[in-house]
Amino acid sequence: MCMARSAVTGLLVLAASLCALPRARAGVQVRGQSQCLDAQALSQDIDQLVQEARPQGAAELLVVIELADTSAQGTHVALRIDLPDGSPGLARDYDLTSADCASASELLLTVIAAFLEELPITRWSAPTAAPPVEPVEVTEPFARATPPSVRPFGSVHAGPLLGLDRANGKTRSVAELELGGDLGLRWHRQSLSLGMSARSGLAQDLGAGQFRASALLARLRYQRHSGRHSQLRWGPMVQLGSLRVAGSGFAENFSRYLLWVEAGAGLGYRVGDVELSAQLWGSPIRQQVAIENRSNSEQLPRWRLGLSLEYAFGATNP
């Protein structure tokens, strides 16, 4: 900061103007005249000394010497050296008499040479403007391709079921096998799928013969995923379709198609593309199978416990 204090407004304006002057260009400048020193010869000697000391490719210093005769036998010499970055490097003032004139040039050259010898090479560098920063367009984080938010998938499943019900004071059970497949959509930690299931149970005794129940069902399933890598999965399911009951071993065998609706829930654990789940199903529909004279009847099971092994393909990851 350049500050000038004066009671005269004109001097303040002059000082402010001098402070606003741009820094002189680099090189050697000898200002003023003196009977003691030859300004032109001194400028050439200093310039040669600076060029010999300047590292290759380095910026130039600014050396300014101001000469002024103070009397018939005296001379004032002001020496200033500015570094390439504009910061002051050296400032000296000398008052010479006529007896010093013979060695005045040698004195100045010795002072400048000592300064240049101790000046670190890093101080010869002029400040450089930082390169312009070009905007970088990023379409995706880290330019990494990410999967779409909603992804299709497919799966096939198979597993045993145990049908249970209680009627007429006794509990009945029947083993069944279910096969099926699903197509659906998966997004972040959840999925929705629509599929088909085929189910068939073991033959059950009824009077003199047997009957077997099988079903073809459409399935709607919703799942939530949790845990690291979404291994744990659970959710509700609904199945709707046709239940076929067919007799065998009777004098006259019949088959019937019945409406069947059931709702369930599953809890599974997935490793890679394979999921093992436990399932519970229940139906609000009560159906009975009876021989023609109704002397004997059996109720179809409305509750089912089962295991399902599922293999998924496509966008299986959450």
Protein backbone atom coordinates (compact mmCIF):
# COMPACT_ATOMS: atom_id res chain seq x y z
CA MET A 1 0.00 0.00 0.00
CA CYS A 2 1.33 3.40 -0.89
CA MET A 3 0.48 6.16 1.64
CA ALA A 4 1.36 9.84 1.48
CA ARG A 5 0.49 12.38 4.14
CA SER A 6 0.62 16.07 3.41
CA ALA A 7 -1.30 19.16 4.28
CA VAL A 8 -1.33 20.21 0.67
CA THR A 9 -4.07 18.64 -1.41
CA GLY A 10 -2.01 18.95 -4.58
CA LEU A 11 0.75 16.83 -3.07
CA LEU A 12 -1.79 14.16 -2.08
CA VAL A 13 -3.07 13.98 -5.64
CA LEU A 14 0.50 13.79 -6.96
CA ALA A 15 1.41 10.99 -4.53
CA ALA A 16 -1.68 9.01 -5.43
CA SER A 17 -0.85 9.37 -9.11
CA LEU A 18 2.68 8.09 -8.55
CA CYS A 19 1.34 5.09 -6.65
CA ALA A 20 -0.95 4.24 -9.52
CA LEU A 21 1.88 4.20 -12.08
CA PRO A 22 2.53 0.75 -13.51
CA ARG A 23 5.76 -1.04 -12.64
CA ALA A 24 8.58 -0.22 -15.07
CA ARG A 25 9.62 -2.88 -17.47
CA ALA A 26 12.51 -5.16 -16.54
CA GLY A 27 16.09 -4.19 -17.37
CA VAL A 28 18.73 -1.70 -16.18
CA GLN A 29 17.86 1.95 -15.81
CA VAL A 30 20.33 4.63 -14.73
CA ARG A 31 18.52 7.87 -14.11
CA GLY A 32 20.02 11.28 -13.63
CA GLN A 33 23.53 12.64 -14.28
CA SER A 34 26.57 12.88 -12.07
CA GLN A 35 30.10 14.23 -12.41
CA CYS A 36 31.24 11.23 -10.36
CA LEU A 37 29.81 8.39 -12.48
CA ASP A 38 29.37 7.74 -16.21
CA ALA A 39 25.68 6.74 -16.44
CA GLN A 40 25.97 5.02 -19.85
CA ALA A 41 29.06 2.96 -18.95
CA LEU A 42 27.59 2.04 -15.59
CA SER A 43 24.33 0.86 -17.25
CA GLN A 44 26.26 -1.36 -19.69
CA ASP A 45 28.40 -2.92 -16.95
CA ILE A 46 25.41 -3.70 -14.76
CA ASP A 47 23.43 -5.14 -17.67
CA GLN A 48 26.33 -7.46 -18.58
CA LEU A 49 26.62 -8.58 -14.93
CA VAL A 50 22.89 -9.34 -14.66
CA GLN A 51 22.76 -11.24 -17.97
CA GLU A 52 25.71 -13.44 -16.94
CA ALA A 53 24.05 -14.29 -13.62
CA ARG A 54 20.54 -14.84 -15.02
CA PRO A 55 19.65 -18.56 -15.37
CA GLN A 56 18.64 -19.76 -18.82
CA GLY A 57 14.99 -19.07 -19.49
CA ALA A 58 14.59 -16.98 -16.33
CA ALA A 59 12.73 -13.69 -16.25
CA GLU A 60 14.50 -10.34 -16.08
CA LEU A 61 15.16 -8.23 -13.00
CA LEU A 62 14.59 -4.51 -12.80
CA VAL A 63 17.72 -2.59 -11.68
CA VAL A 64 17.25 1.15 -11.11
CA ILE A 65 20.06 3.53 -10.14
CA GLU A 66 19.29 7.18 -9.50
CA LEU A 67 22.16 9.67 -9.52
CA ALA A 68 22.05 13.17 -8.09
CA ASP A 69 24.90 15.58 -7.29
CA THR A 70 24.29 17.05 -3.84
CA SER A 71 27.18 19.52 -3.97
CA ALA A 72 30.27 20.34 -5.99
CA GLN A 73 32.10 17.44 -4.32
CA GLY A 74 29.27 15.04 -3.39
CA THR A 75 26.94 12.60 -5.15
CA HIS A 76 23.90 10.66 -3.86
CA VAL A 77 23.35 7.17 -5.36
CA ALA A 78 20.09 5.21 -4.82
CA LEU A 79 20.18 1.54 -5.87
CA ARG A 80 17.01 -0.54 -6.16
CA ILE A 81 16.50 -4.06 -7.53
CA ASP A 82 13.00 -5.51 -8.10
CA LEU A 83 12.44 -9.23 -8.65
CA PRO A 84 10.49 -10.61 -11.65
CA ASP A 85 7.35 -11.07 -9.53
CA GLY A 86 7.40 -7.35 -8.64
CA SER A 87 8.57 -7.76 -5.04
CA PRO A 88 11.53 -5.66 -3.80
CA GLY A 89 14.85 -7.47 -3.73
CA LEU A 90 17.45 -4.89 -2.72
CA ALA A 91 17.51 -1.19 -1.77
CA ARG A 92 20.68 0.76 -0.92
CA ASP A 93 21.58 4.46 -0.64
CA TYR A 94 25.11 5.84 -0.84
CA ASP A 95 26.49 9.34 -0.32
CA LEU A 96 29.78 9.60 -2.24
CA THR A 97 32.47 12.21 -2.06
CA SER A 98 34.91 13.16 -4.77
CA ALA A 99 37.42 10.76 -3.21
CA ASP A 100 34.99 7.83 -3.77
CA CYS A 101 34.38 8.47 -7.46
CA ALA A 102 37.26 6.31 -8.66
CA SER A 103 35.81 3.19 -6.96
CA ALA A 104 32.08 4.06 -7.13
CA SER A 105 31.31 1.86 -10.16
CA GLU A 106 33.24 -1.08 -8.63
CA LEU A 107 31.32 -0.61 -5.37
CA LEU A 108 27.93 -0.80 -7.08
CA LEU A 109 28.94 -3.78 -9.23
CA THR A 110 30.24 -5.65 -6.15
CA VAL A 111 26.99 -5.07 -4.23
CA ILE A 112 24.87 -6.18 -7.19
CA ALA A 113 27.04 -9.28 -7.84
CA ALA A 114 26.80 -10.36 -4.20
CA PHE A 115 23.03 -9.99 -4.31
CA LEU A 116 22.72 -12.00 -7.54
CA GLU A 117 24.94 -14.76 -6.19
CA GLU A 118 22.72 -15.27 -3.13
CA LEU A 119 19.44 -14.95 -5.04
CA PRO A 120 17.69 -18.39 -5.22
CA ILE A 121 16.89 -19.57 -8.70
CA THR A 122 13.22 -19.84 -7.77
CA ARG A 123 13.07 -16.07 -7.27
CA TRP A 124 13.99 -15.52 -10.91
CA SER A 125 10.60 -16.84 -12.02
CA ALA A 126 7.88 -14.42 -12.93
CA PRO A 127 4.32 -15.29 -11.77
CA THR A 128 2.39 -17.14 -14.43
CA ALA A 129 -1.33 -16.93 -14.94
CA ALA A 130 -3.22 -20.04 -14.00
CA PRO A 131 -4.48 -21.96 -17.04
CA PRO A 132 -8.18 -21.48 -17.72
CA VAL A 133 -10.37 -24.13 -16.21
CA GLU A 134 -12.56 -25.69 -18.83
CA PRO A 135 -15.99 -26.89 -17.72
CA VAL A 136 -16.33 -30.64 -17.56
CA GLU A 137 -19.66 -32.09 -18.58
CA VAL A 138 -20.60 -35.17 -16.56
CA THR A 139 -23.66 -36.99 -17.76
CA GLU A 140 -23.46 -39.67 -15.06
CA PRO A 141 -21.54 -39.78 -11.75
CA PHE A 142 -17.92 -40.63 -12.63
CA ALA A 143 -19.12 -41.27 -16.20
CA ARG A 144 -20.25 -44.66 -14.95
CA ALA A 145 -23.07 -46.42 -16.71
CA THR A 146 -25.93 -47.15 -14.34
CA PRO A 147 -28.80 -49.56 -14.88
CA PRO A 148 -32.25 -48.14 -15.50
CA SER A 149 -34.42 -47.52 -12.47
CA VAL A 150 -36.99 -50.16 -13.51
CA ARG A 151 -35.73 -53.48 -14.90
CA PRO A 152 -37.58 -56.56 -16.15
CA PHE A 153 -36.82 -60.05 -14.88
CA GLY A 154 -38.14 -63.58 -15.05
CA SER A 155 -38.11 -66.57 -12.74
CA VAL A 156 -39.14 -70.21 -12.44
CA HIS A 157 -40.01 -71.92 -9.18
CA ALA A 158 -40.81 -75.35 -7.80
CA GLY A 159 -41.47 -76.72 -4.35
CA PRO A 160 -43.51 -79.02 -2.10
CA LEU A 161 -46.65 -77.97 -0.23
CA LEU A 162 -48.55 -79.52 2.66
CA GLY A 163 -52.30 -78.90 2.52
CA LEU A 164 -54.03 -78.80 5.93
CA ASP A 165 -57.61 -78.50 7.13
CA ARG A 166 -59.77 -79.63 10.00
CA ALA A 167 -63.33 -80.93 9.55
CA ASN A 168 -65.61 -83.29 11.45
CA GLY A 169 -63.24 -83.26 14.40
CA LYS A 170 -60.21 -84.52 12.52
CA THR A 171 -57.28 -82.89 10.74
CA ARG A 172 -56.57 -83.86 7.15
CA SER A 173 -53.31 -83.28 5.28
CA VAL A 174 -52.19 -83.89 1.73
CA ALA A 175 -48.80 -83.51 0.04
CA GLU A 176 -48.68 -81.42 -3.12
CA LEU A 177 -46.12 -80.19 -5.67
CA GLU A 178 -46.22 -76.81 -7.36
CA LEU A 179 -44.37 -75.59 -10.48
CA GLY A 180 -44.55 -72.16 -12.04
CA GLY A 181 -42.93 -69.12 -13.56
CA ASP A 182 -43.12 -65.33 -13.27
CA LEU A 183 -42.35 -62.23 -15.29
CA GLY A 184 -42.04 -58.93 -13.53
CA LEU A 185 -40.37 -55.60 -12.90
CA ARG A 186 -37.76 -54.85 -10.29
CA TRP A 187 -36.74 -51.45 -8.97
CA HIS A 188 -34.92 -50.27 -5.88
CA ARG A 189 -35.36 -52.95 -3.19
CA GLN A 190 -38.75 -54.14 -4.42
CA SER A 191 -40.37 -56.09 -7.23
CA LEU A 192 -43.79 -56.88 -8.72
CA SER A 193 -44.42 -59.96 -10.84
CA LEU A 194 -47.25 -61.83 -12.59
CA GLY A 195 -47.04 -65.55 -13.27
CA MET A 196 -48.70 -68.95 -13.53
CA SER A 197 -48.57 -71.93 -11.18
CA ALA A 198 -49.58 -75.54 -11.69
CA ARG A 199 -50.28 -77.59 -8.56
CA SER A 200 -51.10 -81.24 -8.07
CA GLY A 201 -51.64 -83.30 -4.91
CA LEU A 202 -51.46 -86.96 -4.04
CA ALA A 203 -54.56 -89.12 -4.45
CA GLN A 204 -56.84 -89.21 -1.39
CA ASP A 205 -59.11 -92.04 -0.35
CA LEU A 206 -62.83 -91.51 -0.48
CA GLY A 207 -65.12 -94.50 0.05
CA ALA A 208 -64.37 -97.22 -2.46
CA GLY A 209 -62.25 -94.99 -4.68
CA GLN A 210 -59.90 -92.04 -4.68
CA PHE A 211 -59.83 -88.47 -5.86
CA ARG A 212 -57.04 -86.09 -6.82
CA ALA A 213 -57.11 -82.28 -6.79
CA SER A 214 -54.99 -80.16 -9.14
CA ALA A 215 -55.03 -76.46 -9.93
CA LEU A 216 -53.92 -73.98 -12.58
CA LEU A 217 -53.55 -70.56 -10.99
CA ALA A 218 -52.52 -67.04 -12.02
CA ARG A 219 -50.26 -65.44 -9.45
CA LEU A 220 -49.58 -61.83 -8.49
CA ARG A 221 -46.63 -61.28 -6.15
CA TYR A 222 -45.04 -58.26 -4.50
CA GLN A 223 -41.67 -58.45 -2.74
CA ARG A 224 -39.55 -56.19 -0.58
CA HIS A 225 -35.77 -56.65 -0.39
CA SER A 226 -33.50 -55.84 2.52
CA GLY A 227 -30.11 -56.67 3.96
CA ARG A 228 -26.75 -56.38 2.31
CA HIS A 229 -27.09 -57.12 -1.41
CA SER A 230 -30.86 -57.54 -0.70
CA GLN A 231 -30.62 -61.22 0.27
CA LEU A 232 -33.68 -61.15 2.54
CA ARG A 233 -37.03 -60.88 0.73
CA TRP A 234 -40.64 -60.99 1.82
CA GLY A 235 -44.08 -59.98 0.62
CA PRO A 236 -47.72 -60.92 -0.09
CA MET A 237 -49.04 -63.08 -2.94
CA VAL A 238 -52.47 -63.78 -4.45
CA GLN A 239 -53.46 -66.73 -6.67
CA LEU A 240 -56.67 -67.09 -8.65
CA GLY A 241 -57.68 -69.86 -11.00
CA SER A 242 -59.34 -73.20 -11.59
CA LEU A 243 -59.27 -76.21 -9.28
CA ARG A 244 -59.92 -79.60 -10.90
CA VAL A 245 -61.11 -82.54 -8.80
CA ALA A 246 -61.14 -85.95 -10.54
CA GLY A 247 -62.22 -89.34 -9.14
CA SER A 248 -60.77 -92.77 -9.85
CA GLY A 249 -61.65 -96.30 -8.76
CA PHE A 250 -65.35 -95.61 -8.55
CA ALA A 251 -68.05 -97.40 -10.49
CA GLU A 252 -68.50 -94.13 -12.33
CA ASN A 253 -65.76 -91.48 -12.22
CA PHE A 254 -66.44 -87.79 -12.53
CA SER A 255 -64.31 -84.61 -12.67
CA ARG A 256 -65.30 -81.07 -11.77
CA TYR A 257 -63.71 -77.63 -12.21
CA LEU A 258 -64.08 -75.27 -9.28
CA LEU A 259 -63.15 -71.64 -8.66
CA TRP A 260 -60.18 -71.24 -6.34
CA VAL A 261 -58.76 -68.10 -4.71
CA GLU A 262 -56.02 -67.96 -2.10
CA ALA A 263 -53.74 -65.37 -0.54
CA GLY A 264 -50.34 -65.96 0.96
CA ALA A 265 -47.09 -64.53 2.20
CA GLY A 266 -43.49 -65.58 1.68
CA LEU A 267 -40.19 -65.05 3.43
CA GLY A 268 -37.09 -65.93 1.42
CA TYR A 269 -33.33 -65.65 1.27
CA ARG A 270 -31.50 -65.16 -2.01
CA VAL A 271 -27.95 -66.20 -2.85
CA GLY A 272 -26.97 -65.06 -6.34
CA ASP A 273 -29.86 -65.94 -8.66
CA VAL A 274 -31.36 -68.63 -6.40
CA GLU A 275 -33.91 -67.96 -3.67
CA LEU A 276 -35.27 -70.36 -1.07
CA SER A 277 -38.49 -69.23 0.62
CA ALA A 278 -41.09 -70.46 3.10
CA GLN A 279 -44.71 -69.79 2.20
CA LEU A 280 -48.09 -69.77 3.92
CA TRP A 281 -51.32 -69.86 1.92
CA GLY A 282 -54.97 -69.57 2.96
CA SER A 283 -58.24 -69.64 1.04
CA PRO A 284 -61.66 -68.24 2.07
CA ILE A 285 -63.45 -70.84 -0.12
CA ARG A 286 -64.62 -74.07 1.45
CA GLN A 287 -65.02 -76.96 -1.01
CA GLN A 288 -66.07 -80.56 -0.29
CA VAL A 289 -65.77 -83.73 -2.32
CA ALA A 290 -68.44 -86.41 -1.74
CA ILE A 291 -69.59 -89.61 -3.35
CA GLU A 292 -72.97 -89.57 -5.06
CA ASN A 293 -75.06 -90.69 -2.07
CA ARG A 294 -73.02 -88.37 0.23
CA SER A 295 -72.32 -91.26 2.56
CA ASN A 296 -68.74 -90.07 2.70
CA SER A 297 -67.13 -86.70 2.01
CA GLU A 298 -63.81 -84.92 2.33
CA GLN A 299 -63.05 -81.23 2.57
CA LEU A 300 -60.39 -79.81 0.33
CA PRO A 301 -57.57 -78.21 2.36
CA ARG A 302 -57.74 -74.43 2.63
CA TRP A 303 -54.39 -73.91 4.35
CA ARG A 304 -50.98 -74.70 2.92
CA LEU A 305 -47.43 -74.59 4.19
CA GLY A 306 -44.66 -74.91 1.65
CA LEU A 307 -41.12 -74.37 0.49
CA SER A 308 -40.24 -72.85 -2.86
CA LEU A 309 -36.94 -72.91 -4.72
CA GLU A 310 -36.76 -70.13 -7.30
CA TYR A 311 -34.25 -69.34 -10.03
CA ALA A 312 -34.33 -65.79 -11.41
CA PHE A 313 -32.86 -64.49 -14.65
CA GLY A 314 -32.54 -61.06 -16.19
CA ALA A 315 -32.20 -58.00 -13.93
CA THR A 316 -32.00 -60.00 -10.72
CA ASN A 317 -29.94 -57.54 -8.71
CA PRO A 318 -31.83 -54.89 -6.71
